[in-house]
Amino acid sequence: MIGLFSLAMMGLGVIAGSVAVILLKKSVSMSSLRELFFRGQFWGGVILFGVSLLLYVLVLQREKLSVVYPLGSTTYLVTTALSVKYLGEKMTPWKWLALGGIVVGVSLIAIGS
């Protein structure tokens, strides 16, 4: 069973990683590669990716990789929700099915640990 502290750090890491991807997507959509380095959104995304990585390493120090790694896949759920809300992306039945599969898989791993 994963500890409460680790679960909280993993949750923060998932959110940070998801927001990082959204910021990076928004910054590359509005800029050429040269302009990218002068955009705050780009650097915000990079910094949040770093925060996400550090939180992930912190959790890996305390928990089994076989439990932590699948929990990291919940980033797909959060990123998808954010991309629908902030980027106007559309969901298809196949995408819903895939996200459901992630939820089922993570749940089974959590039950098994």
PDB file of N, CA and C in Angstrom:
ATOM      1  N   MET A   1       0.839  -1.175   0.000  1.00  0.00           N
ATOM      2  CA  MET A   1       0.000   0.000   0.000  1.00  0.00           C
ATOM      3  C   MET A   1       0.889   1.245   0.000  1.00  0.00           C
ATOM      4  N   ILE A   2       0.543   2.200  -0.810  1.00  0.00           N
ATOM      5  CA  ILE A   2       1.334   3.428  -0.912  1.00  0.00           C
ATOM      6  C   ILE A   2       0.976   4.350   0.255  1.00  0.00           C
ATOM      7  N   GLY A   3       2.002   5.007   0.805  1.00  0.00           N
ATOM      8  CA  GLY A   3       1.787   5.899   1.934  1.00  0.00           C
ATOM      9  C   GLY A   3       1.051   7.178   1.531  1.00  0.00           C
ATOM     10  N   LEU A   4       0.422   7.805   2.496  1.00  0.00           N
ATOM     11  CA  LEU A   4      -0.352   9.021   2.243  1.00  0.00           C
ATOM     12  C   LEU A   4       0.531  10.154   1.722  1.00  0.00           C
ATOM     13  N   PHE A   5       1.717  10.313   2.311  1.00  0.00           N
ATOM     14  CA  PHE A   5       2.644  11.351   1.845  1.00  0.00           C
ATOM     15  C   PHE A   5       3.032  11.112   0.393  1.00  0.00           C
ATOM     16  N   SER A   6       3.367   9.880   0.069  1.00  0.00           N
ATOM     17  CA  SER A   6       3.753   9.541  -1.302  1.00  0.00           C
ATOM     18  C   SER A   6       2.598   9.756  -2.268  1.00  0.00           C
ATOM     19  N   LEU A   7       1.408   9.388  -1.845  1.00  0.00           N
ATOM     20  CA  LEU A   7       0.234   9.581  -2.691  1.00  0.00           C
ATOM     21  C   LEU A   7      -0.007  11.068  -2.957  1.00  0.00           C
ATOM     22  N   ALA A   8       0.150  11.887  -1.930  1.00  0.00           N
ATOM     23  CA  ALA A   8      -0.017  13.337  -2.097  1.00  0.00           C
ATOM     24  C   ALA A   8       1.055  13.899  -3.032  1.00  0.00           C
ATOM     25  N   MET A   9       2.304  13.476  -2.853  1.00  0.00           N
ATOM     26  CA  MET A   9       3.392  13.955  -3.724  1.00  0.00           C
ATOM     27  C   MET A   9       3.179  13.499  -5.166  1.00  0.00           C
ATOM     28  N   MET A  10       2.682  12.289  -5.320  1.00  0.00           N
ATOM     29  CA  MET A  10       2.395  11.773  -6.661  1.00  0.00           C
ATOM     30  C   MET A  10       1.278  12.591  -7.300  1.00  0.00           C
ATOM     31  N   GLY A  11       0.252  12.906  -6.531  1.00  0.00           N
ATOM     32  CA  GLY A  11      -0.842  13.721  -7.042  1.00  0.00           C
ATOM     33  C   GLY A  11      -0.366  15.092  -7.491  1.00  0.00           C
ATOM     34  N   LEU A  12       0.484  15.718  -6.674  1.00  0.00           N
ATOM     35  CA  LEU A  12       1.038  17.023  -7.055  1.00  0.00           C
ATOM     36  C   LEU A  12       1.903  16.902  -8.309  1.00  0.00           C
ATOM     37  N   GLY A  13       2.666  15.824  -8.395  1.00  0.00           N
ATOM     38  CA  GLY A  13       3.499  15.604  -9.577  1.00  0.00           C
ATOM     39  C   GLY A  13       2.678  15.404 -10.832  1.00  0.00           C
ATOM     40  N   VAL A  14       1.579  14.684 -10.712  1.00  0.00           N
ATOM     41  CA  VAL A  14       0.686  14.458 -11.849  1.00  0.00           C
ATOM     42  C   VAL A  14       0.097  15.788 -12.324  1.00  0.00           C
ATOM     43  N   ILE A  15      -0.360  16.598 -11.379  1.00  0.00           N
ATOM     44  CA  ILE A  15      -0.934  17.897 -11.739  1.00  0.00           C
ATOM     45  C   ILE A  15       0.131  18.800 -12.370  1.00  0.00           C
ATOM     46  N   ALA A  16       1.312  18.852 -11.767  1.00  0.00           N
ATOM     47  CA  ALA A  16       2.391  19.682 -12.301  1.00  0.00           C
ATOM     48  C   ALA A  16       2.768  19.239 -13.714  1.00  0.00           C
ATOM     49  N   GLY A  17       2.883  17.936 -13.925  1.00  0.00           N
ATOM     50  CA  GLY A  17       3.236  17.427 -15.257  1.00  0.00           C
ATOM     51  C   GLY A  17       2.162  17.727 -16.286  1.00  0.00           C
ATOM     52  N   SER A  18       0.917  17.621 -15.899  1.00  0.00           N
ATOM     53  CA  SER A  18      -0.187  17.903 -16.824  1.00  0.00           C
ATOM     54  C   SER A  18      -0.254  19.373 -17.199  1.00  0.00           C
ATOM     55  N   VAL A  19      -0.126  20.236 -16.205  1.00  0.00           N
ATOM     56  CA  VAL A  19      -0.137  21.674 -16.484  1.00  0.00           C
ATOM     57  C   VAL A  19       1.080  22.048 -17.331  1.00  0.00           C
ATOM     58  N   ALA A  20       2.212  21.407 -17.083  1.00  0.00           N
ATOM     59  CA  ALA A  20       3.418  21.663 -17.877  1.00  0.00           C
ATOM     60  C   ALA A  20       3.166  21.385 -19.354  1.00  0.00           C
ATOM     61  N   VAL A  21       2.532  20.275 -19.644  1.00  0.00           N
ATOM     62  CA  VAL A  21       2.262  19.915 -21.039  1.00  0.00           C
ATOM     63  C   VAL A  21       1.325  20.928 -21.694  1.00  0.00           C
ATOM     64  N   ILE A  22       0.313  21.366 -20.960  1.00  0.00           N
ATOM     65  CA  ILE A  22      -0.627  22.352 -21.500  1.00  0.00           C
ATOM     66  C   ILE A  22       0.100  23.662 -21.794  1.00  0.00           C
ATOM     67  N   LEU A  23       0.943  24.113 -20.869  1.00  0.00           N
ATOM     68  CA  LEU A  23       1.701  25.347 -21.088  1.00  0.00           C
ATOM     69  C   LEU A  23       2.640  25.217 -22.289  1.00  0.00           C
ATOM     70  N   LEU A  24       3.294  24.088 -22.403  1.00  0.00           N
ATOM     71  CA  LEU A  24       4.196  23.881 -23.544  1.00  0.00           C
ATOM     72  C   LEU A  24       3.427  23.865 -24.858  1.00  0.00           C
ATOM     73  N   LYS A  25       2.290  23.204 -24.872  1.00  0.00           N
ATOM     74  CA  LYS A  25       1.474  23.151 -26.089  1.00  0.00           C
ATOM     75  C   LYS A  25       1.025  24.548 -26.495  1.00  0.00           C
ATOM     76  N   LYS A  26       0.556  25.330 -25.517  1.00  0.00           N
ATOM     77  CA  LYS A  26       0.118  26.688 -25.822  1.00  0.00           C
ATOM     78  C   LYS A  26       1.279  27.547 -26.311  1.00  0.00           C
ATOM     79  N   SER A  27       2.447  27.377 -25.735  1.00  0.00           N
ATOM     80  CA  SER A  27       3.585  28.207 -26.135  1.00  0.00           C
ATOM     81  C   SER A  27       4.107  27.825 -27.516  1.00  0.00           C
ATOM     82  N   VAL A  28       4.109  26.557 -27.871  1.00  0.00           N
ATOM     83  CA  VAL A  28       4.606  26.184 -29.199  1.00  0.00           C
ATOM     84  C   VAL A  28       3.586  26.479 -30.283  1.00  0.00           C
ATOM     85  N   SER A  29       2.318  26.570 -29.915  1.00  0.00           N
ATOM     86  CA  SER A  29       1.282  26.882 -30.891  1.00  0.00           C
ATOM     87  C   SER A  29       1.331  28.343 -31.309  1.00  0.00           C
ATOM     88  N   MET A  30       1.899  29.197 -30.478  1.00  0.00           N
ATOM     89  CA  MET A  30       1.891  30.631 -30.742  1.00  0.00           C
ATOM     90  C   MET A  30       3.243  31.161 -31.212  1.00  0.00           C
ATOM     91  N   SER A  31       4.253  30.329 -31.313  1.00  0.00           N
ATOM     92  CA  SER A  31       5.605  30.832 -31.518  1.00  0.00           C
ATOM     93  C   SER A  31       6.382  30.005 -32.531  1.00  0.00           C
ATOM     94  N   SER A  32       7.364  30.659 -33.101  1.00  0.00           N
ATOM     95  CA  SER A  32       8.367  29.911 -33.853  1.00  0.00           C
ATOM     96  C   SER A  32       9.358  29.370 -32.826  1.00  0.00           C
ATOM     97  N   LEU A  33      10.227  28.493 -33.262  1.00  0.00           N
ATOM     98  CA  LEU A  33      11.193  27.893 -32.346  1.00  0.00           C
ATOM     99  C   LEU A  33      12.094  28.954 -31.720  1.00  0.00           C
ATOM    100  N   ARG A  34      12.452  29.958 -32.463  1.00  0.00           N
ATOM    101  CA  ARG A  34      13.312  31.028 -31.958  1.00  0.00           C
ATOM    102  C   ARG A  34      12.592  31.857 -30.886  1.00  0.00           C
ATOM    103  N   GLU A  35      11.326  32.166 -31.136  1.00  0.00           N
ATOM    104  CA  GLU A  35      10.545  32.974 -30.189  1.00  0.00           C
ATOM    105  C   GLU A  35      10.207  32.209 -28.915  1.00  0.00           C
ATOM    106  N   LEU A  36      10.256  30.911 -29.014  1.00  0.00           N
ATOM    107  CA  LEU A  36       9.852  30.061 -27.901  1.00  0.00           C
ATOM    108  C   LEU A  36      10.609  30.373 -26.618  1.00  0.00           C
ATOM    109  N   PHE A  37      11.887  30.635 -26.730  1.00  0.00           N
ATOM    110  CA  PHE A  37      12.725  30.847 -25.550  1.00  0.00           C
ATOM    111  C   PHE A  37      12.435  32.166 -24.838  1.00  0.00           C
ATOM    112  N   PHE A  38      11.624  33.016 -25.451  1.00  0.00           N
ATOM    113  CA  PHE A  38      11.269  34.283 -24.838  1.00  0.00           C
ATOM    114  C   PHE A  38       9.839  34.280 -24.296  1.00  0.00           C
ATOM    115  N   ARG A  39       9.207  33.140 -24.301  1.00  0.00           N
ATOM    116  CA  ARG A  39       7.828  33.020 -23.819  1.00  0.00           C
ATOM    117  C   ARG A  39       7.806  32.507 -22.384  1.00  0.00           C
ATOM    118  N   GLY A  40       7.054  33.211 -21.538  1.00  0.00           N
ATOM    119  CA  GLY A  40       6.913  32.790 -20.144  1.00  0.00           C
ATOM    120  C   GLY A  40       6.217  31.452 -20.015  1.00  0.00           C
ATOM    121  N   GLN A  41       5.240  31.192 -20.910  1.00  0.00           N
ATOM    122  CA  GLN A  41       4.529  29.910 -20.860  1.00  0.00           C
ATOM    123  C   GLN A  41       5.486  28.747 -21.079  1.00  0.00           C
ATOM    124  N   PHE A  42       6.414  28.925 -21.991  1.00  0.00           N
ATOM    125  CA  PHE A  42       7.383  27.866 -22.265  1.00  0.00           C
ATOM    126  C   PHE A  42       8.203  27.556 -21.009  1.00  0.00           C
ATOM    127  N   TRP A  43       8.748  28.594 -20.387  1.00  0.00           N
ATOM    128  CA  TRP A  43       9.587  28.381 -19.207  1.00  0.00           C
ATOM    129  C   TRP A  43       8.756  27.894 -18.011  1.00  0.00           C
ATOM    130  N   GLY A  44       7.511  28.334 -17.926  1.00  0.00           N
ATOM    131  CA  GLY A  44       6.629  27.808 -16.890  1.00  0.00           C
ATOM    132  C   GLY A  44       6.438  26.309 -17.055  1.00  0.00           C
ATOM    133  N   GLY A  45       6.248  25.870 -18.297  1.00  0.00           N
ATOM    134  CA  GLY A  45       6.108  24.443 -18.575  1.00  0.00           C
ATOM    135  C   GLY A  45       7.364  23.664 -18.235  1.00  0.00           C
ATOM    136  N   VAL A  46       8.508  24.218 -18.602  1.00  0.00           N
ATOM    137  CA  VAL A  46       9.779  23.551 -18.305  1.00  0.00           C
ATOM    138  C   VAL A  46       9.980  23.420 -16.795  1.00  0.00           C
ATOM    139  N   ILE A  47       9.711  24.501 -16.070  1.00  0.00           N
ATOM    140  CA  ILE A  47       9.882  24.477 -14.606  1.00  0.00           C
ATOM    141  C   ILE A  47       8.922  23.468 -13.974  1.00  0.00           C
ATOM    142  N   LEU A  48       7.668  23.450 -14.435  1.00  0.00           N
ATOM    143  CA  LEU A  48       6.711  22.495 -13.870  1.00  0.00           C
ATOM    144  C   LEU A  48       7.093  21.050 -14.187  1.00  0.00           C
ATOM    145  N   PHE A  49       7.681  20.821 -15.362  1.00  0.00           N
ATOM    146  CA  PHE A  49       8.184  19.474 -15.653  1.00  0.00           C
ATOM    147  C   PHE A  49       9.282  19.100 -14.661  1.00  0.00           C
ATOM    148  N   GLY A  50      10.149  20.046 -14.340  1.00  0.00           N
ATOM    149  CA  GLY A  50      11.200  19.797 -13.358  1.00  0.00           C
ATOM    150  C   GLY A  50      10.628  19.485 -11.985  1.00  0.00           C
ATOM    151  N   VAL A  51       9.629  20.253 -11.576  1.00  0.00           N
ATOM    152  CA  VAL A  51       8.965  20.008 -10.290  1.00  0.00           C
ATOM    153  C   VAL A  51       8.340  18.612 -10.285  1.00  0.00           C
ATOM    154  N   SER A  52       7.669  18.280 -11.368  1.00  0.00           N
ATOM    155  CA  SER A  52       7.047  16.961 -11.492  1.00  0.00           C
ATOM    156  C   SER A  52       8.091  15.854 -11.360  1.00  0.00           C
ATOM    157  N   LEU A  53       9.212  16.020 -12.015  1.00  0.00           N
ATOM    158  CA  LEU A  53      10.286  15.025 -11.948  1.00  0.00           C
ATOM    159  C   LEU A  53      10.821  14.881 -10.526  1.00  0.00           C
ATOM    160  N   LEU A  54      11.044  15.996  -9.854  1.00  0.00           N
ATOM    161  CA  LEU A  54      11.562  15.933  -8.485  1.00  0.00           C
ATOM    162  C   LEU A  54      10.576  15.253  -7.541  1.00  0.00           C
ATOM    163  N   LEU A  55       9.297  15.543  -7.699  1.00  0.00           N
ATOM    164  CA  LEU A  55       8.285  14.878  -6.873  1.00  0.00           C
ATOM    165  C   LEU A  55       8.242  13.383  -7.153  1.00  0.00           C
ATOM    166  N   TYR A  56       8.368  13.029  -8.417  1.00  0.00           N
ATOM    167  CA  TYR A  56       8.368  11.617  -8.808  1.00  0.00           C
ATOM    168  C   TYR A  56       9.560  10.878  -8.185  1.00  0.00           C
ATOM    169  N   VAL A  57      10.728  11.505  -8.209  1.00  0.00           N
ATOM    170  CA  VAL A  57      11.923  10.900  -7.604  1.00  0.00           C
ATOM    171  C   VAL A  57      11.731  10.747  -6.098  1.00  0.00           C
ATOM    172  N   LEU A  58      11.140  11.750  -5.469  1.00  0.00           N
ATOM    173  CA  LEU A  58      10.868  11.682  -4.036  1.00  0.00           C
ATOM    174  C   LEU A  58       9.976  10.486  -3.707  1.00  0.00           C
ATOM    175  N   VAL A  59       8.964  10.273  -4.514  1.00  0.00           N
ATOM    176  CA  VAL A  59       8.062   9.140  -4.299  1.00  0.00           C
ATOM    177  C   VAL A  59       8.789   7.821  -4.557  1.00  0.00           C
ATOM    178  N   LEU A  60       9.629   7.791  -5.594  1.00  0.00           N
ATOM    179  CA  LEU A  60      10.365   6.556  -5.902  1.00  0.00           C
ATOM    180  C   LEU A  60      11.318   6.151  -4.788  1.00  0.00           C
ATOM    181  N   GLN A  61      11.798   7.119  -4.013  1.00  0.00           N
ATOM    182  CA  GLN A  61      12.669   6.792  -2.883  1.00  0.00           C
ATOM    183  C   GLN A  61      11.917   6.025  -1.799  1.00  0.00           C
ATOM    184  N   ARG A  62      10.601   6.191  -1.737  1.00  0.00           N
ATOM    185  CA  ARG A  62       9.811   5.642  -0.645  1.00  0.00           C
ATOM    186  C   ARG A  62       8.960   4.434  -1.024  1.00  0.00           C
ATOM    187  N   GLU A  63       8.635   4.312  -2.303  1.00  0.00           N
ATOM    188  CA  GLU A  63       7.645   3.319  -2.715  1.00  0.00           C
ATOM    189  C   GLU A  63       8.192   2.399  -3.807  1.00  0.00           C
ATOM    190  N   LYS A  64       7.472   1.312  -4.042  1.00  0.00           N
ATOM    191  CA  LYS A  64       7.846   0.349  -5.076  1.00  0.00           C
ATOM    192  C   LYS A  64       7.543   0.922  -6.463  1.00  0.00           C
ATOM    193  N   LEU A  65       8.450   0.711  -7.370  1.00  0.00           N
ATOM    194  CA  LEU A  65       8.276   1.177  -8.743  1.00  0.00           C
ATOM    195  C   LEU A  65       7.053   0.545  -9.390  1.00  0.00           C
ATOM    196  N   SER A  66       6.776  -0.701  -9.054  1.00  0.00           N
ATOM    197  CA  SER A  66       5.637  -1.401  -9.653  1.00  0.00           C
ATOM    198  C   SER A  66       4.296  -0.782  -9.260  1.00  0.00           C
ATOM    199  N   VAL A  67       4.276   0.015  -8.203  1.00  0.00           N
ATOM    200  CA  VAL A  67       3.061   0.724  -7.793  1.00  0.00           C
ATOM    201  C   VAL A  67       3.087   2.167  -8.300  1.00  0.00           C
ATOM    202  N   VAL A  68       4.234   2.808  -8.178  1.00  0.00           N
ATOM    203  CA  VAL A  68       4.357   4.225  -8.528  1.00  0.00           C
ATOM    204  C   VAL A  68       4.216   4.460 -10.031  1.00  0.00           C
ATOM    205  N   TYR A  69       4.845   3.631 -10.822  1.00  0.00           N
ATOM    206  CA  TYR A  69       4.851   3.867 -12.273  1.00  0.00           C
ATOM    207  C   TYR A  69       3.438   3.849 -12.868  1.00  0.00           C
ATOM    208  N   PRO A  70       2.619   2.865 -12.550  1.00  0.00           N
ATOM    209  CA  PRO A  70       1.242   2.912 -13.065  1.00  0.00           C
ATOM    210  C   PRO A  70       0.452   4.128 -12.561  1.00  0.00           C
ATOM    211  N   LEU A  71       0.697   4.556 -11.331  1.00  0.00           N
ATOM    212  CA  LEU A  71       0.010   5.751 -10.828  1.00  0.00           C
ATOM    213  C   LEU A  71       0.364   6.972 -11.669  1.00  0.00           C
ATOM    214  N   GLY A  72       1.567   6.991 -12.191  1.00  0.00           N
ATOM    215  CA  GLY A  72       1.982   8.099 -13.054  1.00  0.00           C
ATOM    216  C   GLY A  72       1.150   8.192 -14.319  1.00  0.00           C
ATOM    217  N   SER A  73       0.545   7.095 -14.718  1.00  0.00           N
ATOM    218  CA  SER A  73      -0.279   7.119 -15.927  1.00  0.00           C
ATOM    219  C   SER A  73      -1.562   7.915 -15.738  1.00  0.00           C
ATOM    220  N   THR A  74      -1.879   8.248 -14.496  1.00  0.00           N
ATOM    221  CA  THR A  74      -3.048   9.106 -14.283  1.00  0.00           C
ATOM    222  C   THR A  74      -2.809  10.505 -14.845  1.00  0.00           C
ATOM    223  N   THR A  75      -1.565  10.814 -15.174  1.00  0.00           N
ATOM    224  CA  THR A  75      -1.255  12.073 -15.847  1.00  0.00           C
ATOM    225  C   THR A  75      -2.047  12.179 -17.151  1.00  0.00           C
ATOM    226  N   TYR A  76      -2.254  11.057 -17.830  1.00  0.00           N
ATOM    227  CA  TYR A  76      -3.031  11.071 -19.074  1.00  0.00           C
ATOM    228  C   TYR A  76      -4.452  11.561 -18.835  1.00  0.00           C
ATOM    229  N   LEU A  77      -5.035  11.164 -17.719  1.00  0.00           N
ATOM    230  CA  LEU A  77      -6.403  11.580 -17.403  1.00  0.00           C
ATOM    231  C   LEU A  77      -6.478  13.089 -17.181  1.00  0.00           C
ATOM    232  N   VAL A  78      -5.566  13.591 -16.368  1.00  0.00           N
ATOM    233  CA  VAL A  78      -5.577  15.019 -16.046  1.00  0.00           C
ATOM    234  C   VAL A  78      -5.238  15.845 -17.282  1.00  0.00           C
ATOM    235  N   THR A  79      -4.246  15.404 -18.041  1.00  0.00           N
ATOM    236  CA  THR A  79      -3.853  16.130 -19.248  1.00  0.00           C
ATOM    237  C   THR A  79      -4.997  16.171 -20.260  1.00  0.00           C
ATOM    238  N   THR A  80      -5.702  15.078 -20.406  1.00  0.00           N
ATOM    239  CA  THR A  80      -6.836  15.049 -21.326  1.00  0.00           C
ATOM    240  C   THR A  80      -7.918  16.022 -20.886  1.00  0.00           C
ATOM    241  N   ALA A  81      -8.229  16.018 -19.605  1.00  0.00           N
ATOM    242  CA  ALA A  81      -9.253  16.942 -19.099  1.00  0.00           C
ATOM    243  C   ALA A  81      -8.833  18.395 -19.326  1.00  0.00           C
ATOM    244  N   LEU A  82      -7.573  18.695 -19.066  1.00  0.00           N
ATOM    245  CA  LEU A  82      -7.087  20.058 -19.279  1.00  0.00           C
ATOM    246  C   LEU A  82      -7.060  20.440 -20.757  1.00  0.00           C
ATOM    247  N   SER A  83      -6.727  19.480 -21.612  1.00  0.00           N
ATOM    248  CA  SER A  83      -6.685  19.795 -23.045  1.00  0.00           C
ATOM    249  C   SER A  83      -8.076  20.045 -23.607  1.00  0.00           C
ATOM    250  N   VAL A  84      -9.074  19.363 -23.072  1.00  0.00           N
ATOM    251  CA  VAL A  84     -10.454  19.616 -23.492  1.00  0.00           C
ATOM    252  C   VAL A  84     -10.886  21.003 -23.016  1.00  0.00           C
ATOM    253  N   LYS A  85     -10.578  21.318 -21.756  1.00  0.00           N
ATOM    254  CA  LYS A  85     -11.018  22.584 -21.177  1.00  0.00           C
ATOM    255  C   LYS A  85     -10.257  23.796 -21.730  1.00  0.00           C
ATOM    256  N   TYR A  86      -8.940  23.704 -21.816  1.00  0.00           N
ATOM    257  CA  TYR A  86      -8.133  24.884 -22.147  1.00  0.00           C
ATOM    258  C   TYR A  86      -7.644  24.946 -23.591  1.00  0.00           C
ATOM    259  N   LEU A  87      -7.644  23.818 -24.280  1.00  0.00           N
ATOM    260  CA  LEU A  87      -7.194  23.817 -25.672  1.00  0.00           C
ATOM    261  C   LEU A  87      -8.330  23.560 -26.653  1.00  0.00           C
ATOM    262  N   GLY A  88      -9.522  23.264 -26.122  1.00  0.00           N
ATOM    263  CA  GLY A  88     -10.677  23.026 -26.984  1.00  0.00           C
ATOM    264  C   GLY A  88     -10.623  21.725 -27.759  1.00  0.00           C
ATOM    265  N   GLU A  89      -9.842  20.768 -27.275  1.00  0.00           N
ATOM    266  CA  GLU A  89      -9.756  19.485 -27.969  1.00  0.00           C
ATOM    267  C   GLU A  89     -11.024  18.676 -27.733  1.00  0.00           C
ATOM    268  N   LYS A  90     -11.364  17.835 -28.677  1.00  0.00           N
ATOM    269  CA  LYS A  90     -12.593  17.037 -28.611  1.00  0.00           C
ATOM    270  C   LYS A  90     -12.269  15.606 -28.189  1.00  0.00           C
ATOM    271  N   MET A  91     -13.228  15.013 -27.477  1.00  0.00           N
ATOM    272  CA  MET A  91     -13.103  13.609 -27.071  1.00  0.00           C
ATOM    273  C   MET A  91     -13.922  12.739 -28.014  1.00  0.00           C
ATOM    274  N   THR A  92     -13.380  11.586 -28.339  1.00  0.00           N
ATOM    275  CA  THR A  92     -14.086  10.608 -29.154  1.00  0.00           C
ATOM    276  C   THR A  92     -14.410   9.398 -28.278  1.00  0.00           C
ATOM    277  N   PRO A  93     -15.325   8.554 -28.732  1.00  0.00           N
ATOM    278  CA  PRO A  93     -15.599   7.336 -27.944  1.00  0.00           C
ATOM    279  C   PRO A  93     -14.346   6.492 -27.702  1.00  0.00           C
ATOM    280  N   TRP A  94     -13.448   6.429 -28.674  1.00  0.00           N
ATOM    281  CA  TRP A  94     -12.222   5.650 -28.507  1.00  0.00           C
ATOM    282  C   TRP A  94     -11.332   6.246 -27.418  1.00  0.00           C
ATOM    283  N   LYS A  95     -11.270   7.569 -27.351  1.00  0.00           N
ATOM    284  CA  LYS A  95     -10.484   8.210 -26.297  1.00  0.00           C
ATOM    285  C   LYS A  95     -11.087   7.921 -24.923  1.00  0.00           C
ATOM    286  N   TRP A  96     -12.419   7.986 -24.817  1.00  0.00           N
ATOM    287  CA  TRP A  96     -13.074   7.664 -23.545  1.00  0.00           C
ATOM    288  C   TRP A  96     -12.781   6.227 -23.135  1.00  0.00           C
ATOM    289  N   LEU A  97     -12.823   5.318 -24.098  1.00  0.00           N
ATOM    290  CA  LEU A  97     -12.540   3.912 -23.819  1.00  0.00           C
ATOM    291  C   LEU A  97     -11.098   3.735 -23.325  1.00  0.00           C
ATOM    292  N   ALA A  98     -10.177   4.418 -23.969  1.00  0.00           N
ATOM    293  CA  ALA A  98      -8.767   4.331 -23.565  1.00  0.00           C
ATOM    294  C   ALA A  98      -8.565   4.878 -22.150  1.00  0.00           C
ATOM    295  N   LEU A  99      -9.191   5.998 -21.847  1.00  0.00           N
ATOM    296  CA  LEU A  99      -9.072   6.564 -20.502  1.00  0.00           C
ATOM    297  C   LEU A  99      -9.699   5.632 -19.466  1.00  0.00           C
ATOM    298  N   GLY A 100     -10.807   5.017 -19.822  1.00  0.00           N
ATOM    299  CA  GLY A 100     -11.417   4.030 -18.927  1.00  0.00           C
ATOM    300  C   GLY A 100     -10.479   2.870 -18.660  1.00  0.00           C
ATOM    301  N   GLY A 101      -9.767   2.433 -19.683  1.00  0.00           N
ATOM    302  CA  GLY A 101      -8.791   1.358 -19.514  1.00  0.00           C
ATOM    303  C   GLY A 101      -7.678   1.739 -18.557  1.00  0.00           C
ATOM    304  N   ILE A 102      -7.249   2.998 -18.623  1.00  0.00           N
ATOM    305  CA  ILE A 102      -6.221   3.470 -17.697  1.00  0.00           C
ATOM    306  C   ILE A 102      -6.743   3.422 -16.264  1.00  0.00           C
ATOM    307  N   VAL A 103      -7.957   3.892 -16.065  1.00  0.00           N
ATOM    308  CA  VAL A 103      -8.550   3.894 -14.722  1.00  0.00           C
ATOM    309  C   VAL A 103      -8.664   2.466 -14.186  1.00  0.00           C
ATOM    310  N   VAL A 104      -9.143   1.552 -15.010  1.00  0.00           N
ATOM    311  CA  VAL A 104      -9.274   0.153 -14.586  1.00  0.00           C
ATOM    312  C   VAL A 104      -7.904  -0.435 -14.252  1.00  0.00           C
ATOM    313  N   GLY A 105      -6.926  -0.198 -15.107  1.00  0.00           N
ATOM    314  CA  GLY A 105      -5.582  -0.737 -14.878  1.00  0.00           C
ATOM    315  C   GLY A 105      -4.948  -0.217 -13.599  1.00  0.00           C
ATOM    316  N   VAL A 106      -5.008   1.089 -13.377  1.00  0.00           N
ATOM    317  CA  VAL A 106      -4.446   1.680 -12.170  1.00  0.00           C
ATOM    318  C   VAL A 106      -5.180   1.149 -10.934  1.00  0.00           C
ATOM    319  N   SER A 107      -6.486   1.024 -11.035  1.00  0.00           N
ATOM    320  CA  SER A 107      -7.272   0.506  -9.905  1.00  0.00           C
ATOM    321  C   SER A 107      -6.880  -0.926  -9.581  1.00  0.00           C
ATOM    322  N   LEU A 108      -6.706  -1.758 -10.575  1.00  0.00           N
ATOM    323  CA  LEU A 108      -6.312  -3.144 -10.339  1.00  0.00           C
ATOM    324  C   LEU A 108      -4.933  -3.248  -9.695  1.00  0.00           C
ATOM    325  N   ILE A 109      -4.030  -2.388 -10.141  1.00  0.00           N
ATOM    326  CA  ILE A 109      -2.681  -2.401  -9.540  1.00  0.00           C
ATOM    327  C   ILE A 109      -2.753  -1.942  -8.089  1.00  0.00           C
ATOM    328  N   ALA A 110      -3.570  -0.914  -7.831  1.00  0.00           N
ATOM    329  CA  ALA A 110      -3.708  -0.422  -6.450  1.00  0.00           C
ATOM    330  C   ALA A 110      -4.300  -1.494  -5.547  1.00  0.00           C
ATOM    331  N   ILE A 111      -5.303  -2.211  -6.049  1.00  0.00           N
ATOM    332  CA  ILE A 111      -5.918  -3.286  -5.270  1.00  0.00           C
ATOM    333  C   ILE A 111      -4.911  -4.405  -5.010  1.00  0.00           C
ATOM    334  N   GLY A 112      -4.100  -4.704  -6.010  1.00  0.00           N
ATOM    335  CA  GLY A 112      -3.137  -5.792  -5.889  1.00  0.00           C
ATOM    336  C   GLY A 112      -1.946  -5.486  -5.006  1.00  0.00           C
ATOM    337  N   SER A 113      -1.746  -4.208  -4.698  1.00  0.00           N
ATOM    338  CA  SER A 113      -0.578  -3.878  -3.857  1.00  0.00           C
ATOM    339  C   SER A 113      -1.030  -3.807  -2.424  1.00  0.00           C
TER     340      SER A 113
END
